[in-house]
Amino acid sequence: MSPPIRFEMRRRTFLAGTASAVVATNIPWSARAQAVSGEAAAPVGPEQTTVTLDVNGEPRRLVVDNRTTLLDVLREHLRLTGTKKGCDHGQCGACTVSVNGERINACLSLAVMHEGDEVTTIEGVGTAERLDPMQQAFLDHDGFQCGYCTPGQICSAKAVLQEIQDGVPSHVTGDLTARIEATEAEIRERMSGNICRCGAYSNILHAITQVAEDGA
């Protein structure tokens, strides 16, 4: 009777062989998965739309990426850099502009949403030769320090006085049946969305109050 055959295998050899078998088995599936993934990931360019805006009284027609905000169109496409990009999250008010007579945060609104709309930026409020009364009041009362937030402050301030004149109530309006006055409380509440990191709030309030009293 012949002696039994004994197979001797070291642990390292066994593990190496097992790993090789696993790799060999998975190669075809891995290659196939990569091929399918490659087909599905074919690059697709961003969609673009032609939009026409009335900016500061001038018609502007441009082709924009559908994801582009109104703020970026104003600054990057039309080079109207007076409108500032602060937080880019609608929390500071630096990008405030007027659209069809109402103030909005341009960073929160897509340009394609404003087909045919009338947009007024700080460049359309006044000129160096003929300042708007609100701009003059900010100068008279030193309503700014670094000036970065000032364009948004002025655009918002003009809208605030228009809202009060139109009888639009705020959170601090007490009697909804009475005529709304441009009180300190009303102005502070309505301007609370515009941040001044230099802290010129009192001077800004005085500037707006002056314009309200002058009826400009």
N, C-alpha and C. Protein backbone atom coordinates (compact mmCIF):
# COMPACT_ATOMS: atom_id res chain seq x y z
N MET A 1 0.85 -1.19 0.00
CA MET A 1 0.00 0.00 0.00
C MET A 1 0.88 1.24 0.00
N SER A 2 0.59 2.12 -0.93
CA SER A 2 1.43 3.32 -1.05
C SER A 2 1.10 4.32 0.04
N PRO A 3 2.08 5.06 0.49
CA PRO A 3 1.85 6.04 1.56
C PRO A 3 0.92 7.16 1.10
N PRO A 4 0.12 7.75 1.98
CA PRO A 4 -0.80 8.84 1.59
C PRO A 4 -0.05 10.07 1.12
N ILE A 5 -0.67 10.75 0.14
CA ILE A 5 -0.05 11.96 -0.41
C ILE A 5 -0.40 13.14 0.49
N ARG A 6 0.60 13.84 0.87
CA ARG A 6 0.40 15.00 1.74
C ARG A 6 0.71 16.30 0.99
N PHE A 7 -0.22 17.23 1.10
CA PHE A 7 -0.03 18.54 0.46
C PHE A 7 0.36 19.56 1.53
N GLU A 8 1.48 20.13 1.33
CA GLU A 8 1.93 21.14 2.27
C GLU A 8 1.77 22.53 1.62
N MET A 9 1.13 23.44 2.32
CA MET A 9 0.92 24.80 1.79
C MET A 9 1.08 25.81 2.91
N ARG A 10 1.90 26.75 2.64
CA ARG A 10 2.10 27.79 3.64
C ARG A 10 0.95 28.79 3.59
N ARG A 11 0.75 29.44 4.72
CA ARG A 11 -0.36 30.40 4.84
C ARG A 11 -0.21 31.54 3.83
N ARG A 12 0.99 32.05 3.67
CA ARG A 12 1.22 33.15 2.76
C ARG A 12 0.92 32.74 1.32
N THR A 13 1.31 31.53 0.96
CA THR A 13 1.05 31.04 -0.39
C THR A 13 -0.45 30.92 -0.64
N PHE A 14 -1.18 30.42 0.37
CA PHE A 14 -2.63 30.26 0.24
C PHE A 14 -3.33 31.60 0.03
N LEU A 15 -2.94 32.60 0.83
CA LEU A 15 -3.57 33.91 0.72
C LEU A 15 -3.27 34.57 -0.62
N ALA A 16 -2.04 34.41 -1.09
CA ALA A 16 -1.67 34.99 -2.37
C ALA A 16 -2.47 34.37 -3.50
N GLY A 17 -2.64 33.06 -3.44
CA GLY A 17 -3.41 32.38 -4.47
C GLY A 17 -4.87 32.79 -4.45
N THR A 18 -5.44 32.93 -3.27
CA THR A 18 -6.84 33.34 -3.15
C THR A 18 -7.06 34.74 -3.71
N ALA A 19 -6.15 35.64 -3.38
CA ALA A 19 -6.27 37.01 -3.87
C ALA A 19 -6.19 37.06 -5.39
N SER A 20 -5.30 36.26 -5.96
CA SER A 20 -5.16 36.24 -7.42
C SER A 20 -6.43 35.75 -8.07
N ALA A 21 -7.06 34.75 -7.47
CA ALA A 21 -8.30 34.20 -8.03
C ALA A 21 -9.42 35.23 -7.99
N VAL A 22 -9.51 35.95 -6.88
CA VAL A 22 -10.55 36.97 -6.76
C VAL A 22 -10.37 38.06 -7.79
N VAL A 23 -9.14 38.53 -7.97
CA VAL A 23 -8.86 39.58 -8.94
C VAL A 23 -9.19 39.11 -10.34
N ALA A 24 -8.79 37.89 -10.67
CA ALA A 24 -9.04 37.35 -12.00
C ALA A 24 -10.53 37.23 -12.27
N THR A 25 -11.28 36.89 -11.25
CA THR A 25 -12.74 36.73 -11.42
C THR A 25 -13.42 38.07 -11.64
N ASN A 26 -12.94 39.11 -10.98
CA ASN A 26 -13.61 40.41 -11.02
C ASN A 26 -13.20 41.30 -12.18
N ILE A 27 -12.13 41.00 -12.84
CA ILE A 27 -11.64 41.87 -13.91
C ILE A 27 -12.68 42.10 -15.00
N PRO A 28 -13.31 41.06 -15.54
CA PRO A 28 -14.29 41.30 -16.62
C PRO A 28 -15.44 42.19 -16.17
N TRP A 29 -15.96 41.96 -14.96
CA TRP A 29 -17.09 42.75 -14.46
C TRP A 29 -16.67 44.19 -14.20
N SER A 30 -15.47 44.36 -13.69
CA SER A 30 -14.98 45.72 -13.43
C SER A 30 -14.83 46.49 -14.73
N ALA A 31 -14.26 45.82 -15.73
CA ALA A 31 -14.08 46.48 -17.02
C ALA A 31 -15.42 46.84 -17.65
N ARG A 32 -16.38 45.91 -17.51
CA ARG A 32 -17.71 46.17 -18.06
C ARG A 32 -18.38 47.33 -17.35
N ALA A 33 -18.24 47.38 -16.02
CA ALA A 33 -18.84 48.48 -15.26
C ALA A 33 -18.26 49.82 -15.67
N GLN A 34 -16.94 49.83 -15.91
CA GLN A 34 -16.30 51.08 -16.32
C GLN A 34 -16.81 51.52 -17.69
N ALA A 35 -17.01 50.55 -18.58
CA ALA A 35 -17.49 50.87 -19.92
C ALA A 35 -18.89 51.47 -19.87
N VAL A 36 -19.77 50.85 -19.07
CA VAL A 36 -21.14 51.35 -18.94
C VAL A 36 -21.14 52.73 -18.31
N SER A 37 -20.29 52.89 -17.25
CA SER A 37 -20.22 54.17 -16.58
C SER A 37 -19.73 55.25 -17.53
N GLY A 38 -18.75 54.90 -18.37
CA GLY A 38 -18.22 55.85 -19.33
C GLY A 38 -19.27 56.30 -20.32
N GLU A 39 -20.12 55.37 -20.75
CA GLU A 39 -21.17 55.72 -21.69
C GLU A 39 -22.20 56.66 -21.04
N ALA A 40 -22.54 56.39 -19.78
CA ALA A 40 -23.56 57.19 -19.09
C ALA A 40 -23.06 58.58 -18.73
N ALA A 41 -21.74 58.74 -18.61
CA ALA A 41 -21.17 60.00 -18.15
C ALA A 41 -20.70 60.87 -19.31
N ALA A 42 -21.28 60.67 -20.48
CA ALA A 42 -20.91 61.51 -21.61
C ALA A 42 -21.17 62.97 -21.26
N PRO A 43 -20.19 63.86 -21.47
CA PRO A 43 -20.34 65.26 -21.05
C PRO A 43 -21.49 65.96 -21.78
N VAL A 44 -22.26 66.71 -21.01
CA VAL A 44 -23.37 67.49 -21.56
C VAL A 44 -23.18 68.95 -21.13
N GLY A 45 -23.16 69.84 -22.08
CA GLY A 45 -22.94 71.25 -21.76
C GLY A 45 -24.14 71.86 -21.07
N PRO A 46 -23.93 72.93 -20.31
CA PRO A 46 -25.04 73.60 -19.61
C PRO A 46 -26.00 74.24 -20.60
N GLU A 47 -27.29 74.22 -20.27
CA GLU A 47 -28.28 74.83 -21.14
C GLU A 47 -28.18 76.35 -21.05
N GLN A 48 -28.38 77.00 -22.17
CA GLN A 48 -28.32 78.45 -22.22
C GLN A 48 -29.63 79.01 -22.77
N THR A 49 -29.92 80.23 -22.38
CA THR A 49 -31.16 80.88 -22.79
C THR A 49 -30.87 82.33 -23.16
N THR A 50 -31.54 82.80 -24.18
CA THR A 50 -31.44 84.21 -24.55
C THR A 50 -32.46 85.00 -23.74
N VAL A 51 -31.99 86.00 -23.05
CA VAL A 51 -32.87 86.79 -22.18
C VAL A 51 -32.70 88.27 -22.50
N THR A 52 -33.80 89.00 -22.48
CA THR A 52 -33.77 90.44 -22.73
C THR A 52 -34.20 91.17 -21.46
N LEU A 53 -33.36 92.07 -21.01
CA LEU A 53 -33.63 92.84 -19.80
C LEU A 53 -33.62 94.33 -20.14
N ASP A 54 -34.41 95.09 -19.42
CA ASP A 54 -34.35 96.55 -19.52
C ASP A 54 -33.55 97.01 -18.30
N VAL A 55 -32.28 97.31 -18.52
CA VAL A 55 -31.39 97.65 -17.42
C VAL A 55 -31.10 99.15 -17.43
N ASN A 56 -31.56 99.82 -16.40
CA ASN A 56 -31.37 101.27 -16.28
C ASN A 56 -31.88 102.00 -17.52
N GLY A 57 -33.02 101.52 -18.05
CA GLY A 57 -33.64 102.17 -19.20
C GLY A 57 -33.09 101.78 -20.54
N GLU A 58 -32.14 100.85 -20.56
CA GLU A 58 -31.52 100.42 -21.81
C GLU A 58 -31.78 98.93 -22.04
N PRO A 59 -32.34 98.55 -23.20
CA PRO A 59 -32.59 97.12 -23.46
C PRO A 59 -31.27 96.37 -23.66
N ARG A 60 -31.13 95.26 -22.97
CA ARG A 60 -29.92 94.44 -23.08
C ARG A 60 -30.33 93.01 -23.37
N ARG A 61 -29.81 92.46 -24.45
CA ARG A 61 -30.13 91.10 -24.87
C ARG A 61 -28.85 90.26 -24.80
N LEU A 62 -28.90 89.17 -24.09
CA LEU A 62 -27.71 88.34 -23.93
C LEU A 62 -28.07 86.88 -23.74
N VAL A 63 -27.11 86.02 -24.05
CA VAL A 63 -27.27 84.57 -23.87
C VAL A 63 -26.55 84.19 -22.59
N VAL A 64 -27.27 83.54 -21.69
CA VAL A 64 -26.70 83.21 -20.38
C VAL A 64 -26.95 81.75 -20.04
N ASP A 65 -26.05 81.21 -19.24
CA ASP A 65 -26.25 79.90 -18.63
C ASP A 65 -27.49 79.99 -17.74
N ASN A 66 -28.35 79.00 -17.82
CA ASN A 66 -29.59 79.04 -17.04
C ASN A 66 -29.36 79.14 -15.55
N ARG A 67 -28.16 78.79 -15.10
CA ARG A 67 -27.86 78.81 -13.67
C ARG A 67 -27.33 80.16 -13.20
N THR A 68 -27.16 81.10 -14.10
CA THR A 68 -26.55 82.39 -13.76
C THR A 68 -27.52 83.29 -13.01
N THR A 69 -27.07 83.84 -11.90
CA THR A 69 -27.92 84.74 -11.13
C THR A 69 -27.98 86.11 -11.79
N LEU A 70 -28.99 86.86 -11.42
CA LEU A 70 -29.11 88.23 -11.93
C LEU A 70 -27.90 89.05 -11.50
N LEU A 71 -27.41 88.80 -10.30
CA LEU A 71 -26.24 89.53 -9.81
C LEU A 71 -25.03 89.30 -10.70
N ASP A 72 -24.78 88.05 -11.07
CA ASP A 72 -23.62 87.75 -11.91
C ASP A 72 -23.79 88.29 -13.32
N VAL A 73 -25.02 88.32 -13.81
CA VAL A 73 -25.25 88.92 -15.13
C VAL A 73 -24.91 90.41 -15.09
N LEU A 74 -25.36 91.08 -14.04
CA LEU A 74 -25.10 92.52 -13.92
C LEU A 74 -23.61 92.80 -13.80
N ARG A 75 -22.93 92.04 -12.98
CA ARG A 75 -21.52 92.31 -12.70
C ARG A 75 -20.60 91.76 -13.78
N GLU A 76 -20.79 90.50 -14.15
CA GLU A 76 -19.84 89.82 -15.03
C GLU A 76 -20.16 90.00 -16.52
N HIS A 77 -21.43 90.06 -16.86
CA HIS A 77 -21.80 90.18 -18.27
C HIS A 77 -21.97 91.63 -18.71
N LEU A 78 -22.61 92.43 -17.87
CA LEU A 78 -22.88 93.82 -18.24
C LEU A 78 -21.89 94.80 -17.62
N ARG A 79 -21.01 94.30 -16.77
CA ARG A 79 -19.96 95.12 -16.14
C ARG A 79 -20.53 96.27 -15.30
N LEU A 80 -21.71 96.06 -14.74
CA LEU A 80 -22.28 97.05 -13.81
C LEU A 80 -21.89 96.63 -12.40
N THR A 81 -20.69 97.00 -12.02
CA THR A 81 -20.12 96.50 -10.77
C THR A 81 -20.51 97.31 -9.54
N GLY A 82 -21.39 98.29 -9.72
CA GLY A 82 -21.87 99.03 -8.56
C GLY A 82 -22.65 98.14 -7.61
N THR A 83 -23.39 97.20 -8.17
CA THR A 83 -24.11 96.22 -7.36
C THR A 83 -23.10 95.23 -6.80
N LYS A 84 -23.02 95.12 -5.48
CA LYS A 84 -21.95 94.34 -4.86
C LYS A 84 -22.37 92.91 -4.51
N LYS A 85 -21.39 92.04 -4.54
CA LYS A 85 -21.60 90.66 -4.08
C LYS A 85 -21.00 90.56 -2.68
N GLY A 86 -21.87 90.40 -1.69
CA GLY A 86 -21.41 90.30 -0.31
C GLY A 86 -21.39 88.86 0.15
N CYS A 87 -22.51 88.41 0.68
CA CYS A 87 -22.59 87.04 1.20
C CYS A 87 -22.94 86.03 0.12
N ASP A 88 -23.60 86.47 -0.95
CA ASP A 88 -24.08 85.59 -2.03
C ASP A 88 -25.12 84.59 -1.53
N HIS A 89 -25.74 84.89 -0.39
CA HIS A 89 -26.76 84.01 0.19
C HIS A 89 -28.03 84.79 0.58
N GLY A 90 -28.14 86.02 0.14
CA GLY A 90 -29.34 86.81 0.44
C GLY A 90 -29.44 87.27 1.88
N GLN A 91 -28.32 87.38 2.57
CA GLN A 91 -28.36 87.73 3.99
C GLN A 91 -27.80 89.11 4.31
N CYS A 92 -27.15 89.77 3.34
CA CYS A 92 -26.50 91.04 3.67
C CYS A 92 -27.11 92.24 2.97
N GLY A 93 -27.78 92.04 1.83
CA GLY A 93 -28.42 93.14 1.13
C GLY A 93 -27.51 93.96 0.24
N ALA A 94 -26.24 93.59 0.12
CA ALA A 94 -25.31 94.37 -0.70
C ALA A 94 -25.69 94.35 -2.17
N CYS A 95 -26.43 93.32 -2.59
CA CYS A 95 -26.77 93.17 -4.01
C CYS A 95 -28.18 93.67 -4.32
N THR A 96 -28.76 94.47 -3.44
CA THR A 96 -30.14 94.94 -3.65
C THR A 96 -30.26 95.78 -4.92
N VAL A 97 -31.22 95.41 -5.76
CA VAL A 97 -31.56 96.19 -6.95
C VAL A 97 -33.08 96.29 -7.03
N SER A 98 -33.55 97.12 -7.92
CA SER A 98 -35.00 97.27 -8.12
C SER A 98 -35.40 96.53 -9.39
N VAL A 99 -36.42 95.69 -9.29
CA VAL A 99 -36.97 94.98 -10.46
C VAL A 99 -38.45 95.31 -10.55
N ASN A 100 -38.81 96.00 -11.62
CA ASN A 100 -40.20 96.44 -11.81
C ASN A 100 -40.72 97.22 -10.61
N GLY A 101 -39.82 98.02 -10.02
CA GLY A 101 -40.21 98.89 -8.91
C GLY A 101 -40.14 98.26 -7.54
N GLU A 102 -39.76 97.00 -7.44
CA GLU A 102 -39.65 96.34 -6.15
C GLU A 102 -38.22 95.87 -5.92
N ARG A 103 -37.75 96.02 -4.69
CA ARG A 103 -36.37 95.63 -4.37
C ARG A 103 -36.27 94.11 -4.20
N ILE A 104 -35.16 93.57 -4.69
CA ILE A 104 -34.88 92.15 -4.52
C ILE A 104 -33.39 91.97 -4.25
N ASN A 105 -33.02 90.81 -3.75
CA ASN A 105 -31.62 90.44 -3.64
C ASN A 105 -31.23 89.76 -4.94
N ALA A 106 -30.39 90.41 -5.71
CA ALA A 106 -30.04 89.90 -7.04
C ALA A 106 -29.30 88.57 -6.99
N CYS A 107 -28.68 88.25 -5.85
CA CYS A 107 -27.93 87.00 -5.75
C CYS A 107 -28.85 85.79 -5.61
N LEU A 108 -30.12 86.02 -5.27
CA LEU A 108 -31.06 84.91 -5.05
C LEU A 108 -31.99 84.70 -6.24
N SER A 109 -31.80 85.43 -7.31
CA SER A 109 -32.72 85.37 -8.44
C SER A 109 -31.96 85.04 -9.72
N LEU A 110 -32.46 84.06 -10.47
CA LEU A 110 -31.83 83.69 -11.73
C LEU A 110 -32.18 84.71 -12.81
N ALA A 111 -31.22 85.00 -13.66
CA ALA A 111 -31.44 86.00 -14.71
C ALA A 111 -32.56 85.60 -15.66
N VAL A 112 -32.69 84.29 -15.95
CA VAL A 112 -33.70 83.84 -16.90
C VAL A 112 -35.12 84.05 -16.38
N MET A 113 -35.25 84.34 -15.09
CA MET A 113 -36.57 84.59 -14.51
C MET A 113 -37.06 86.01 -14.80
N HIS A 114 -36.20 86.84 -15.39
CA HIS A 114 -36.52 88.26 -15.53
C HIS A 114 -36.64 88.71 -16.97
N GLU A 115 -37.07 87.83 -17.83
CA GLU A 115 -37.28 88.19 -19.23
C GLU A 115 -38.23 89.39 -19.32
N GLY A 116 -37.73 90.47 -19.95
CA GLY A 116 -38.54 91.66 -20.15
C GLY A 116 -38.69 92.56 -18.95
N ASP A 117 -38.08 92.21 -17.82
CA ASP A 117 -38.23 93.02 -16.61
C ASP A 117 -37.38 94.29 -16.66
N GLU A 118 -37.83 95.29 -15.90
CA GLU A 118 -37.08 96.54 -15.76
C GLU A 118 -36.21 96.45 -14.51
N VAL A 119 -34.91 96.50 -14.71
CA VAL A 119 -33.95 96.38 -13.61
C VAL A 119 -33.24 97.71 -13.43
N THR A 120 -33.24 98.21 -12.21
CA THR A 120 -32.53 99.45 -11.91
C THR A 120 -31.45 99.17 -10.88
N THR A 121 -30.21 99.44 -11.25
CA THR A 121 -29.08 99.28 -10.34
C THR A 121 -28.66 100.66 -9.84
N ILE A 122 -27.64 100.69 -9.01
CA ILE A 122 -27.17 101.97 -8.47
C ILE A 122 -26.71 102.89 -9.60
N GLU A 123 -26.23 102.30 -10.71
CA GLU A 123 -25.80 103.12 -11.85
C GLU A 123 -26.96 103.87 -12.48
N GLY A 124 -28.18 103.37 -12.27
CA GLY A 124 -29.35 104.02 -12.85
C GLY A 124 -30.07 104.94 -11.89
N VAL A 125 -29.55 105.08 -10.68
CA VAL A 125 -30.20 105.93 -9.67
C VAL A 125 -29.84 107.39 -9.86
N GLY A 126 -28.61 107.67 -10.16
CA GLY A 126 -28.17 109.05 -10.35
C GLY A 126 -26.84 109.07 -11.08
N THR A 127 -26.33 110.25 -11.34
CA THR A 127 -25.04 110.40 -12.00
C THR A 127 -24.14 111.27 -11.14
N ALA A 128 -22.86 111.30 -11.50
CA ALA A 128 -21.91 112.12 -10.74
C ALA A 128 -22.28 113.60 -10.84
N GLU A 129 -22.85 113.99 -11.98
CA GLU A 129 -23.22 115.39 -12.17
C GLU A 129 -24.57 115.72 -11.53
N ARG A 130 -25.44 114.72 -11.43
CA ARG A 130 -26.77 114.95 -10.88
C ARG A 130 -27.13 113.81 -9.94
N LEU A 131 -26.80 113.97 -8.69
CA LEU A 131 -27.05 112.93 -7.71
C LEU A 131 -28.54 112.81 -7.39
N ASP A 132 -28.96 111.59 -7.11
CA ASP A 132 -30.31 111.38 -6.61
C ASP A 132 -30.39 111.96 -5.19
N PRO A 133 -31.54 112.47 -4.76
CA PRO A 133 -31.67 113.02 -3.41
C PRO A 133 -31.20 112.05 -2.32
N MET A 134 -31.43 110.75 -2.52
CA MET A 134 -30.98 109.79 -1.51
C MET A 134 -29.46 109.71 -1.48
N GLN A 135 -28.84 109.76 -2.63
CA GLN A 135 -27.38 109.76 -2.67
C GLN A 135 -26.81 111.00 -1.99
N GLN A 136 -27.43 112.14 -2.25
CA GLN A 136 -26.97 113.38 -1.63
C GLN A 136 -27.15 113.33 -0.12
N ALA A 137 -28.25 112.74 0.33
CA ALA A 137 -28.50 112.64 1.77
C ALA A 137 -27.47 111.74 2.44
N PHE A 138 -27.08 110.67 1.78
CA PHE A 138 -26.04 109.80 2.34
C PHE A 138 -24.73 110.56 2.48
N LEU A 139 -24.44 111.44 1.53
CA LEU A 139 -23.24 112.26 1.63
C LEU A 139 -23.37 113.28 2.76
N ASP A 140 -24.52 113.92 2.84
CA ASP A 140 -24.74 114.95 3.86
C ASP A 140 -24.65 114.40 5.28
N HIS A 141 -25.10 113.17 5.47
CA HIS A 141 -25.15 112.59 6.81
C HIS A 141 -24.07 111.53 7.03
N ASP A 142 -23.11 111.46 6.11
CA ASP A 142 -22.01 110.49 6.25
C ASP A 142 -22.58 109.08 6.49
N GLY A 143 -23.47 108.68 5.58
CA GLY A 143 -24.14 107.39 5.74
C GLY A 143 -23.35 106.21 5.25
N PHE A 144 -22.05 106.33 5.26
CA PHE A 144 -21.20 105.20 4.84
C PHE A 144 -19.79 105.42 5.38
N GLN A 145 -19.03 104.34 5.43
CA GLN A 145 -17.62 104.44 5.80
C GLN A 145 -16.77 103.82 4.69
N CYS A 146 -16.74 102.48 4.63
CA CYS A 146 -15.97 101.86 3.55
C CYS A 146 -16.72 101.99 2.22
N GLY A 147 -18.04 102.08 2.26
CA GLY A 147 -18.83 102.28 1.06
C GLY A 147 -19.23 101.03 0.31
N TYR A 148 -18.78 99.86 0.77
CA TYR A 148 -19.08 98.63 0.01
C TYR A 148 -20.57 98.32 -0.01
N CYS A 149 -21.24 98.53 1.10
CA CYS A 149 -22.67 98.21 1.18
C CYS A 149 -23.56 99.35 0.69
N THR A 150 -22.96 100.51 0.43
CA THR A 150 -23.75 101.71 0.14
C THR A 150 -24.67 101.59 -1.07
N PRO A 151 -24.24 101.01 -2.20
CA PRO A 151 -25.17 100.87 -3.33
C PRO A 151 -26.44 100.13 -2.95
N GLY A 152 -26.29 99.03 -2.24
CA GLY A 152 -27.47 98.27 -1.80
C GLY A 152 -28.29 99.04 -0.79
N GLN A 153 -27.62 99.77 0.10
CA GLN A 153 -28.34 100.58 1.08
C GLN A 153 -29.19 101.64 0.40
N ILE A 154 -28.63 102.31 -0.58
CA ILE A 154 -29.36 103.38 -1.27
C ILE A 154 -30.53 102.83 -2.07
N CYS A 155 -30.29 101.73 -2.80
CA CYS A 155 -31.39 101.13 -3.58
C CYS A 155 -32.51 100.66 -2.65
N SER A 156 -32.13 100.10 -1.52
CA SER A 156 -33.13 99.63 -0.57
C SER A 156 -33.85 100.81 0.09
N ALA A 157 -33.11 101.86 0.42
CA ALA A 157 -33.71 103.03 1.08
C ALA A 157 -34.76 103.69 0.19
N LYS A 158 -34.46 103.80 -1.10
CA LYS A 158 -35.43 104.38 -2.03
C LYS A 158 -36.69 103.52 -2.08
N ALA A 159 -36.50 102.20 -2.08
CA ALA A 159 -37.65 101.29 -2.12
C ALA A 159 -38.46 101.38 -0.83
N VAL A 160 -37.78 101.57 0.29
CA VAL A 160 -38.46 101.67 1.59
C VAL A 160 -39.43 102.85 1.59
N LEU A 161 -38.98 104.00 1.14
CA LEU A 161 -39.86 105.17 1.13
C LEU A 161 -41.02 104.99 0.16
N GLN A 162 -40.77 104.28 -0.94
CA GLN A 162 -41.85 104.01 -1.88
C GLN A 162 -42.87 103.06 -1.28
N GLU A 163 -42.39 102.06 -0.54
CA GLU A 163 -43.30 101.12 0.13
C GLU A 163 -44.18 101.85 1.14
N ILE A 164 -43.57 102.75 1.91
CA ILE A 164 -44.34 103.51 2.90
C ILE A 164 -45.37 104.39 2.21
N GLN A 165 -44.96 105.03 1.13
CA GLN A 165 -45.88 105.89 0.38
C GLN A 165 -47.04 105.09 -0.20
N ASP A 166 -46.76 103.86 -0.61
CA ASP A 166 -47.80 103.00 -1.20
C ASP A 166 -48.66 102.32 -0.15
N GLY A 167 -48.33 102.52 1.12
CA GLY A 167 -49.13 101.93 2.19
C GLY A 167 -48.86 100.46 2.45
N VAL A 168 -47.67 100.00 2.08
CA VAL A 168 -47.31 98.60 2.33
C VAL A 168 -46.87 98.46 3.78
N PRO A 169 -47.55 97.66 4.59
CA PRO A 169 -47.21 97.55 6.02
C PRO A 169 -45.96 96.71 6.25
N SER A 170 -45.35 96.92 7.41
CA SER A 170 -44.20 96.11 7.83
C SER A 170 -44.57 95.40 9.12
N HIS A 171 -43.62 94.69 9.71
CA HIS A 171 -43.89 93.96 10.94
C HIS A 171 -44.13 94.88 12.14
N VAL A 172 -43.71 96.14 12.02
CA VAL A 172 -43.90 97.05 13.16
C VAL A 172 -45.05 98.02 12.93
N THR A 173 -45.75 97.89 11.83
CA THR A 173 -46.90 98.76 11.57
C THR A 173 -48.02 98.40 12.54
N GLY A 174 -48.45 99.38 13.34
CA GLY A 174 -49.47 99.12 14.35
C GLY A 174 -50.87 99.11 13.79
N ASP A 175 -51.29 100.23 13.25
CA ASP A 175 -52.65 100.38 12.73
C ASP A 175 -52.63 100.22 11.21
N LEU A 176 -53.18 99.12 10.74
CA LEU A 176 -53.16 98.83 9.31
C LEU A 176 -54.16 99.67 8.54
N THR A 177 -55.03 100.36 9.25
CA THR A 177 -56.03 101.19 8.57
C THR A 177 -55.59 102.65 8.45
N ALA A 178 -54.56 103.01 9.21
CA ALA A 178 -54.09 104.40 9.20
C ALA A 178 -52.98 104.58 8.17
N ARG A 179 -52.71 105.82 7.85
CA ARG A 179 -51.63 106.15 6.93
C ARG A 179 -50.30 105.83 7.59
N ILE A 180 -49.43 105.14 6.86
CA ILE A 180 -48.13 104.74 7.41
C ILE A 180 -47.16 105.91 7.31
N GLU A 181 -46.47 106.18 8.40
CA GLU A 181 -45.50 107.26 8.45
C GLU A 181 -44.08 106.69 8.43
N ALA A 182 -43.16 107.50 7.94
CA ALA A 182 -41.76 107.08 7.89
C ALA A 182 -41.09 107.33 9.24
N THR A 183 -41.51 106.58 10.23
CA THR A 183 -40.96 106.71 11.57
C THR A 183 -39.62 105.98 11.66
N GLU A 184 -38.91 106.25 12.76
CA GLU A 184 -37.64 105.56 12.97
C GLU A 184 -37.84 104.05 13.02
N ALA A 185 -38.88 103.61 13.71
CA ALA A 185 -39.14 102.17 13.83
C ALA A 185 -39.43 101.55 12.47
N GLU A 186 -40.23 102.24 11.65
CA GLU A 186 -40.56 101.72 10.33
C GLU A 186 -39.31 101.61 9.46
N ILE A 187 -38.50 102.65 9.47
CA ILE A 187 -37.31 102.66 8.63
C ILE A 187 -36.31 101.60 9.08
N ARG A 188 -36.08 101.50 10.38
CA ARG A 188 -35.14 100.50 10.88
C ARG A 188 -35.60 99.08 10.54
N GLU A 189 -36.89 98.82 10.70
CA GLU A 189 -37.42 97.49 10.39
C GLU A 189 -37.25 97.17 8.91
N ARG A 190 -37.61 98.10 8.07
CA ARG A 190 -37.57 97.86 6.63
C ARG A 190 -36.15 97.79 6.08
N MET A 191 -35.21 98.42 6.77
CA MET A 191 -33.81 98.40 6.34
C MET A 191 -33.01 97.29 7.02
N SER A 192 -33.67 96.47 7.81
CA SER A 192 -32.94 95.46 8.60
C SER A 192 -32.27 94.39 7.74
N GLY A 193 -32.68 94.27 6.49
CA GLY A 193 -32.05 93.28 5.61
C GLY A 193 -30.77 93.77 4.97
N ASN A 194 -30.41 95.02 5.21
CA ASN A 194 -29.17 95.58 4.66
C ASN A 194 -28.15 95.76 5.78
N ILE A 195 -27.09 95.00 5.70
CA ILE A 195 -26.07 95.00 6.76
C ILE A 195 -24.96 96.00 6.44
N CYS A 196 -24.59 96.79 7.45
CA CYS A 196 -23.44 97.69 7.34
C CYS A 196 -22.42 97.24 8.38
N ARG A 197 -21.37 96.62 7.94
CA ARG A 197 -20.39 96.07 8.89
C ARG A 197 -19.56 97.18 9.53
N CYS A 198 -19.60 98.38 8.96
CA CYS A 198 -18.91 99.51 9.58
C CYS A 198 -19.75 100.14 10.69
N GLY A 199 -21.03 99.83 10.71
CA GLY A 199 -21.90 100.32 11.78
C GLY A 199 -22.41 101.73 11.61
N ALA A 200 -22.69 102.13 10.36
CA ALA A 200 -23.17 103.50 10.12
C ALA A 200 -24.69 103.60 10.14
N TYR A 201 -25.33 102.75 10.92
CA TYR A 201 -26.79 102.66 10.90
C TYR A 201 -27.48 103.97 11.28
N SER A 202 -27.00 104.66 12.30
CA SER A 202 -27.65 105.90 12.73
C SER A 202 -27.59 106.95 11.63
N ASN A 203 -26.45 107.05 10.97
CA ASN A 203 -26.31 108.03 9.90
C ASN A 203 -27.17 107.67 8.69
N ILE A 204 -27.28 106.38 8.42
CA ILE A 204 -28.15 105.92 7.33
C ILE A 204 -29.60 106.29 7.64
N LEU A 205 -30.00 106.08 8.89
CA LEU A 205 -31.35 106.43 9.32
C LEU A 205 -31.61 107.92 9.12
N HIS A 206 -30.65 108.75 9.51
CA HIS A 206 -30.81 110.20 9.36
C HIS A 206 -30.93 110.59 7.89
N ALA A 207 -30.17 109.93 7.03
CA ALA A 207 -30.22 110.24 5.60
C ALA A 207 -31.59 109.91 5.02
N ILE A 208 -32.11 108.75 5.36
CA ILE A 208 -33.42 108.34 4.85
C ILE A 208 -34.52 109.25 5.40
N THR A 209 -34.40 109.60 6.67
CA THR A 209 -35.39 110.48 7.29
C THR A 209 -35.42 111.84 6.61
N GLN A 210 -34.23 112.35 6.27
CA GLN A 210 -34.17 113.64 5.59
C GLN A 210 -34.91 113.60 4.26
N VAL A 211 -34.68 112.56 3.49
CA VAL A 211 -35.35 112.44 2.18
C VAL A 211 -36.86 112.32 2.37
N ALA A 212 -37.27 111.57 3.39
CA ALA A 212 -38.70 111.41 3.67
C ALA A 212 -39.34 112.75 4.04
N GLU A 213 -38.64 113.53 4.86
CA GLU A 213 -39.17 114.83 5.28
C GLU A 213 -39.21 115.83 4.14
N ASP A 214 -38.20 115.73 3.25
CA ASP A 214 -38.16 116.65 2.11
C ASP A 214 -39.17 116.26 1.03
N GLY A 215 -39.67 115.02 1.12
CA GLY A 215 -40.63 114.56 0.13
C GLY A 215 -40.03 114.35 -1.24
N ALA A 216 -38.72 114.10 -1.27
CA ALA A 216 -38.04 113.93 -2.56
C ALA A 216 -38.27 112.54 -3.11
